[in-house]
Amino acid sequence: MTSSSSALESILKRDRLIVIAGLSAVSILAWAYTLAGVGMGMSAFEMTAMGGAVGAPTSPVPWVPVRALAVFMMWYVMMIAMMLPTAAPMLLLYTALARKRQARARSEIAAAAFAAGYLAIWGLFSAGAALAQWVFEMSRLLTPMMQSTSALFDGLLLLAAGAYQLTSLKQACLGRCSQPVGFISQYWRSGTGGAFRMGVAHGTFCLGCCWFIMALLFFGGVMNLYWIAGIATYVLVEKLVPHQRWLSHTAGYALILFGGVILLRAVYEA
């Protein structure tokens, strides 16, 4: 019995190492590609430095299919870099349970299917974000350097993001996104197809939790490394801290206050 338990523990440890190695490799590649500029013609460091520079281009540029695809890929790679590490606890627990219920080879395939379902949801978000960026650029609310041009837009975006932090929908999604045991016990599905559907469900809850926070990139600069790193860190911490409601409410009130100050300043200077 002891020998059997040791063997199982050894297998589970090996599975965890495989999952961690896979997540780390994908996340590192996504972060490296993000820092390199995700195909936008210059590195993220250069875009961060040029974002508010005098002389930076402000007129909209044509959104030909190649540019639209590049913008979508920019968002998608960023979402992989920012969100995949936060799914690690869920994937590790899922892999351990899947290993006990099915053959090892199938459990690894199922774990990959779970991750694919999770990332598929963020792919949909990225498509929506790219479309929103096109609308904002054509409306001259964003520059081609993906920086906001309107204090009114900034203030309203911050107010809306702050208000969403206080909603019951935000808290419900955060609870399901950040509690692996509860999620798996409620949404468990067998097989590779079931794993993909579980990944889609988990991604949907995480999207419901974080989408407005991600939208703040339109305020801080879509390719501004400070905002990318700051938002990624906040999302990770919000999922891990024990008093999540306190943190999300505090962030919500801070965003509302910040947005209100920006709006008042805009009215005063008008």
Protein backbone atom coordinates (compact mmCIF):
# COMPACT_ATOMS: atom_id res chain seq x y z
CA MET A 1 0.00 0.00 0.00
CA THR A 2 2.82 2.39 0.90
CA SER A 3 4.67 1.49 -2.28
CA SER A 4 1.54 2.12 -4.35
CA SER A 5 0.96 5.50 -2.69
CA SER A 6 4.59 6.50 -3.27
CA ALA A 7 4.35 5.54 -6.93
CA LEU A 8 1.16 7.58 -7.35
CA GLU A 9 2.73 10.57 -5.61
CA SER A 10 5.76 10.29 -7.87
CA ILE A 11 3.56 10.25 -10.96
CA LEU A 12 1.51 13.23 -9.73
CA LYS A 13 4.71 15.16 -8.99
CA ARG A 14 5.98 14.41 -12.49
CA ASP A 15 2.67 15.57 -13.97
CA ARG A 16 2.87 18.81 -11.99
CA LEU A 17 6.38 19.42 -13.30
CA ILE A 18 5.18 18.85 -16.87
CA VAL A 19 2.31 21.31 -16.43
CA ILE A 20 4.51 23.92 -14.75
CA ALA A 21 7.15 23.55 -17.46
CA GLY A 22 4.53 23.91 -20.20
CA LEU A 23 2.88 26.94 -18.62
CA SER A 24 6.26 28.55 -17.98
CA ALA A 25 7.43 27.99 -21.55
CA VAL A 26 4.27 29.43 -23.11
CA SER A 27 4.18 32.37 -20.69
CA ILE A 28 7.86 33.21 -21.21
CA LEU A 29 7.47 33.10 -24.99
CA ALA A 30 4.37 35.30 -24.79
CA TRP A 31 6.13 37.83 -22.55
CA ALA A 32 9.21 37.81 -24.80
CA TYR A 33 7.08 38.44 -27.89
CA THR A 34 5.20 41.19 -26.05
CA LEU A 35 8.46 42.91 -25.09
CA ALA A 36 9.65 42.57 -28.69
CA GLY A 37 6.57 44.51 -29.80
CA VAL A 38 4.21 41.72 -30.93
CA GLY A 39 4.79 42.54 -34.58
CA MET A 40 3.93 46.24 -34.28
CA GLY A 41 7.18 47.50 -35.82
CA MET A 42 8.99 48.54 -32.65
CA SER A 43 9.63 47.06 -29.24
CA ALA A 44 7.35 47.59 -26.26
CA PHE A 45 10.14 49.60 -24.63
CA GLU A 46 10.18 51.99 -27.60
CA MET A 47 6.39 52.27 -27.67
CA THR A 48 6.31 52.95 -23.93
CA ALA A 49 8.90 55.71 -24.36
CA MET A 50 7.17 57.23 -27.40
CA GLY A 51 3.62 57.03 -26.10
CA GLY A 52 3.34 60.59 -24.89
CA ALA A 53 6.24 62.04 -26.87
CA VAL A 54 5.85 65.30 -28.73
CA GLY A 55 5.78 64.61 -32.43
CA ALA A 56 4.36 61.12 -32.12
CA PRO A 57 1.82 60.40 -34.89
CA THR A 58 -1.77 61.29 -34.00
CA SER A 59 -3.71 60.84 -37.25
CA PRO A 60 -5.48 57.50 -37.76
CA VAL A 61 -3.73 55.01 -40.02
CA PRO A 62 -5.66 52.72 -42.40
CA TRP A 63 -6.85 49.47 -40.85
CA VAL A 64 -6.01 47.11 -43.67
CA PRO A 65 -6.43 43.37 -42.97
CA VAL A 66 -2.74 42.95 -42.15
CA ARG A 67 -2.89 45.67 -39.48
CA ALA A 68 -6.14 44.30 -38.06
CA LEU A 69 -4.57 40.85 -37.73
CA ALA A 70 -1.44 42.36 -36.15
CA VAL A 71 -3.53 44.24 -33.58
CA PHE A 72 -5.54 41.12 -32.76
CA MET A 73 -2.33 39.12 -32.29
CA MET A 74 -0.91 41.90 -30.13
CA TRP A 75 -3.89 41.67 -27.79
CA TYR A 76 -3.99 37.88 -27.82
CA VAL A 77 -0.31 37.42 -27.03
CA MET A 78 -0.61 40.01 -24.25
CA MET A 79 -3.60 38.18 -22.77
CA ILE A 80 -1.71 34.88 -22.86
CA ALA A 81 1.25 36.50 -21.12
CA MET A 82 -0.92 38.20 -18.49
CA MET A 83 -3.62 35.58 -17.83
CA LEU A 84 -2.10 32.13 -18.37
CA PRO A 85 0.09 32.30 -15.21
CA THR A 86 -3.00 33.12 -13.14
CA ALA A 87 -4.62 29.85 -14.32
CA ALA A 88 -1.75 27.73 -12.97
CA PRO A 89 -3.44 26.68 -9.68
CA MET A 90 -6.55 25.55 -11.56
CA LEU A 91 -4.57 23.61 -14.16
CA LEU A 92 -2.38 21.92 -11.56
CA LEU A 93 -5.40 20.73 -9.56
CA TYR A 94 -7.23 19.64 -12.70
CA THR A 95 -4.22 17.64 -13.90
CA ALA A 96 -3.88 15.87 -10.55
CA LEU A 97 -7.54 14.85 -10.55
CA ALA A 98 -7.52 13.89 -14.23
CA ARG A 99 -4.49 11.67 -13.61
CA LYS A 100 -6.38 9.73 -10.96
CA ARG A 101 -9.36 9.20 -13.25
CA GLN A 102 -7.70 8.29 -16.53
CA ALA A 103 -4.45 7.16 -18.13
CA ARG A 104 -1.47 9.48 -17.79
CA ALA A 105 -1.17 10.18 -21.53
CA ARG A 106 -4.84 11.11 -21.68
CA SER A 107 -4.55 13.30 -18.58
CA GLU A 108 -1.81 15.37 -20.22
CA ILE A 109 -3.91 15.76 -23.37
CA ALA A 110 -6.88 16.75 -21.23
CA ALA A 111 -4.79 19.36 -19.40
CA ALA A 112 -3.72 20.81 -22.75
CA ALA A 113 -7.38 20.84 -23.85
CA PHE A 114 -8.36 22.67 -20.64
CA ALA A 115 -5.70 25.32 -21.31
CA ALA A 116 -6.85 25.60 -24.94
CA GLY A 117 -10.44 26.22 -23.86
CA TYR A 118 -9.28 28.84 -21.37
CA LEU A 119 -7.19 30.65 -23.98
CA ALA A 120 -9.98 30.44 -26.56
CA ILE A 121 -12.08 32.76 -24.38
CA TRP A 122 -9.22 35.25 -24.19
CA GLY A 123 -8.93 34.99 -27.96
CA LEU A 124 -12.54 36.14 -28.23
CA PHE A 125 -11.80 38.99 -25.84
CA SER A 126 -8.77 39.94 -27.94
CA ALA A 127 -10.93 40.11 -31.07
CA GLY A 128 -13.35 42.40 -29.24
CA ALA A 129 -10.50 44.54 -27.90
CA ALA A 130 -9.00 44.90 -31.40
CA LEU A 131 -12.41 45.97 -32.74
CA ALA A 132 -12.77 48.49 -29.90
CA GLN A 133 -9.30 49.84 -30.63
CA TRP A 134 -10.26 50.35 -34.27
CA VAL A 135 -13.39 52.25 -33.24
CA PHE A 136 -11.46 54.39 -30.76
CA GLU A 137 -8.73 55.18 -33.29
CA MET A 138 -11.23 56.12 -35.99
CA SER A 139 -12.99 58.33 -33.42
CA ARG A 140 -9.60 59.88 -32.57
CA LEU A 141 -9.92 58.79 -28.94
CA LEU A 142 -6.67 56.83 -29.38
CA THR A 143 -3.54 57.71 -31.30
CA PRO A 144 -1.81 55.22 -33.62
CA MET A 145 0.63 54.81 -30.70
CA MET A 146 -2.39 53.50 -28.76
CA GLN A 147 -2.47 56.36 -26.28
CA SER A 148 -5.66 58.08 -25.13
CA THR A 149 -6.33 61.59 -26.45
CA SER A 150 -9.42 62.46 -24.40
CA ALA A 151 -9.63 63.28 -20.70
CA LEU A 152 -13.39 62.70 -20.88
CA PHE A 153 -12.80 59.22 -22.31
CA ASP A 154 -10.21 58.52 -19.60
CA GLY A 155 -12.43 59.66 -16.76
CA LEU A 156 -15.49 57.73 -17.95
CA LEU A 157 -13.43 54.57 -18.50
CA LEU A 158 -11.99 54.76 -14.99
CA LEU A 159 -15.41 55.42 -13.47
CA ALA A 160 -16.94 52.47 -15.33
CA ALA A 161 -14.09 50.13 -14.38
CA GLY A 162 -14.32 51.21 -10.75
CA ALA A 163 -18.09 50.75 -10.65
CA TYR A 164 -17.78 47.25 -12.15
CA GLN A 165 -15.37 46.29 -9.38
CA LEU A 166 -18.21 46.84 -6.89
CA THR A 167 -20.84 44.73 -8.68
CA SER A 168 -22.09 41.33 -7.59
CA LEU A 169 -21.28 39.97 -11.08
CA LYS A 170 -17.62 40.84 -10.59
CA GLN A 171 -17.56 39.11 -7.20
CA ALA A 172 -19.38 36.02 -8.47
CA CYS A 173 -16.96 35.61 -11.39
CA LEU A 174 -13.95 36.26 -9.15
CA GLY A 175 -15.11 33.60 -6.69
CA ARG A 176 -15.42 30.93 -9.38
CA CYS A 177 -12.24 32.00 -11.15
CA SER A 178 -10.05 31.94 -8.04
CA GLN A 179 -11.39 28.85 -6.22
CA PRO A 180 -10.12 25.74 -8.07
CA VAL A 181 -11.70 23.17 -5.72
CA GLY A 182 -15.15 24.70 -5.89
CA PHE A 183 -15.01 25.20 -9.65
CA ILE A 184 -13.85 21.66 -10.43
CA SER A 185 -16.35 20.05 -8.09
CA GLN A 186 -19.18 21.92 -9.80
CA TYR A 187 -18.08 21.88 -13.44
CA TRP A 188 -16.16 18.61 -13.79
CA ARG A 189 -16.48 16.96 -17.22
CA SER A 190 -14.74 13.79 -18.36
CA GLY A 191 -12.68 13.32 -21.49
CA THR A 192 -10.77 15.68 -23.73
CA GLY A 193 -13.92 17.42 -24.93
CA GLY A 194 -15.07 17.83 -21.35
CA ALA A 195 -11.70 19.31 -20.43
CA PHE A 196 -12.00 21.86 -23.23
CA ARG A 197 -15.50 22.82 -22.06
CA MET A 198 -14.20 23.19 -18.52
CA GLY A 199 -11.46 25.46 -19.82
CA VAL A 200 -14.05 27.54 -21.65
CA ALA A 201 -16.14 27.81 -18.48
CA HIS A 202 -13.13 28.78 -16.38
CA GLY A 203 -12.02 31.30 -18.99
CA THR A 204 -15.50 32.79 -19.09
CA PHE A 205 -15.51 33.36 -15.33
CA CYS A 206 -12.01 34.85 -15.46
CA LEU A 207 -13.08 37.10 -18.33
CA GLY A 208 -16.11 38.23 -16.34
CA CYS A 209 -13.77 38.98 -13.46
CA CYS A 210 -11.01 40.83 -15.33
CA TRP A 211 -12.25 42.29 -18.62
CA PHE A 212 -12.81 45.82 -17.35
CA ILE A 213 -9.41 45.83 -15.67
CA MET A 214 -7.87 44.83 -19.01
CA ALA A 215 -9.80 47.65 -20.70
CA LEU A 216 -7.78 50.08 -18.60
CA LEU A 217 -4.95 49.51 -21.09
CA PHE A 218 -6.86 51.98 -23.27
CA PHE A 219 -6.29 54.53 -20.52
CA GLY A 220 -2.67 53.81 -19.62
CA GLY A 221 -1.48 52.87 -23.11
CA VAL A 222 -2.14 49.55 -24.80
CA MET A 223 1.57 48.79 -25.14
CA ASN A 224 2.73 50.70 -22.05
CA LEU A 225 4.88 48.21 -20.15
CA TYR A 226 4.17 49.84 -16.79
CA TRP A 227 0.44 49.33 -17.25
CA ILE A 228 0.82 45.84 -18.69
CA ALA A 229 2.98 44.73 -15.74
CA GLY A 230 0.82 46.57 -13.20
CA ILE A 231 -2.46 45.09 -14.43
CA ALA A 232 -0.97 41.58 -14.69
CA THR A 233 0.30 41.86 -11.12
CA TYR A 234 -3.01 43.16 -9.80
CA VAL A 235 -5.01 40.37 -11.49
CA LEU A 236 -2.68 37.74 -10.05
CA VAL A 237 -2.80 39.20 -6.54
CA GLU A 238 -6.59 39.62 -6.66
CA LYS A 239 -6.95 35.90 -7.38
CA LEU A 240 -4.57 34.81 -4.63
CA VAL A 241 -5.28 37.01 -1.62
CA PRO A 242 -7.72 35.65 0.99
CA HIS A 243 -9.80 38.84 1.31
CA GLN A 244 -10.67 39.32 -2.36
CA ARG A 245 -13.78 41.44 -1.87
CA TRP A 246 -11.84 43.95 0.22
CA LEU A 247 -9.14 44.29 -2.44
CA SER A 248 -11.50 44.56 -5.42
CA HIS A 249 -13.70 47.09 -3.60
CA THR A 250 -10.68 49.16 -2.57
CA ALA A 251 -9.46 49.17 -6.17
CA GLY A 252 -12.96 50.07 -7.34
CA TYR A 253 -13.25 53.09 -5.06
CA ALA A 254 -9.73 54.20 -6.02
CA LEU A 255 -10.60 54.02 -9.73
CA ILE A 256 -13.82 55.95 -9.17
CA LEU A 257 -11.95 58.63 -7.25
CA PHE A 258 -9.23 58.85 -9.90
CA GLY A 259 -11.78 59.01 -12.70
CA GLY A 260 -13.74 61.71 -10.90
CA VAL A 261 -10.61 63.84 -10.48
CA ILE A 262 -9.79 63.53 -14.19
CA LEU A 263 -13.33 64.51 -15.19
CA LEU A 264 -13.38 67.49 -12.84
CA ARG A 265 -10.02 68.67 -14.17
CA ALA A 266 -11.27 68.28 -17.74
CA VAL A 267 -14.38 70.37 -16.97
CA TYR A 268 -12.30 73.00 -15.18
CA GLU A 269 -9.83 73.32 -18.06
CA ALA A 270 -12.52 73.34 -20.76
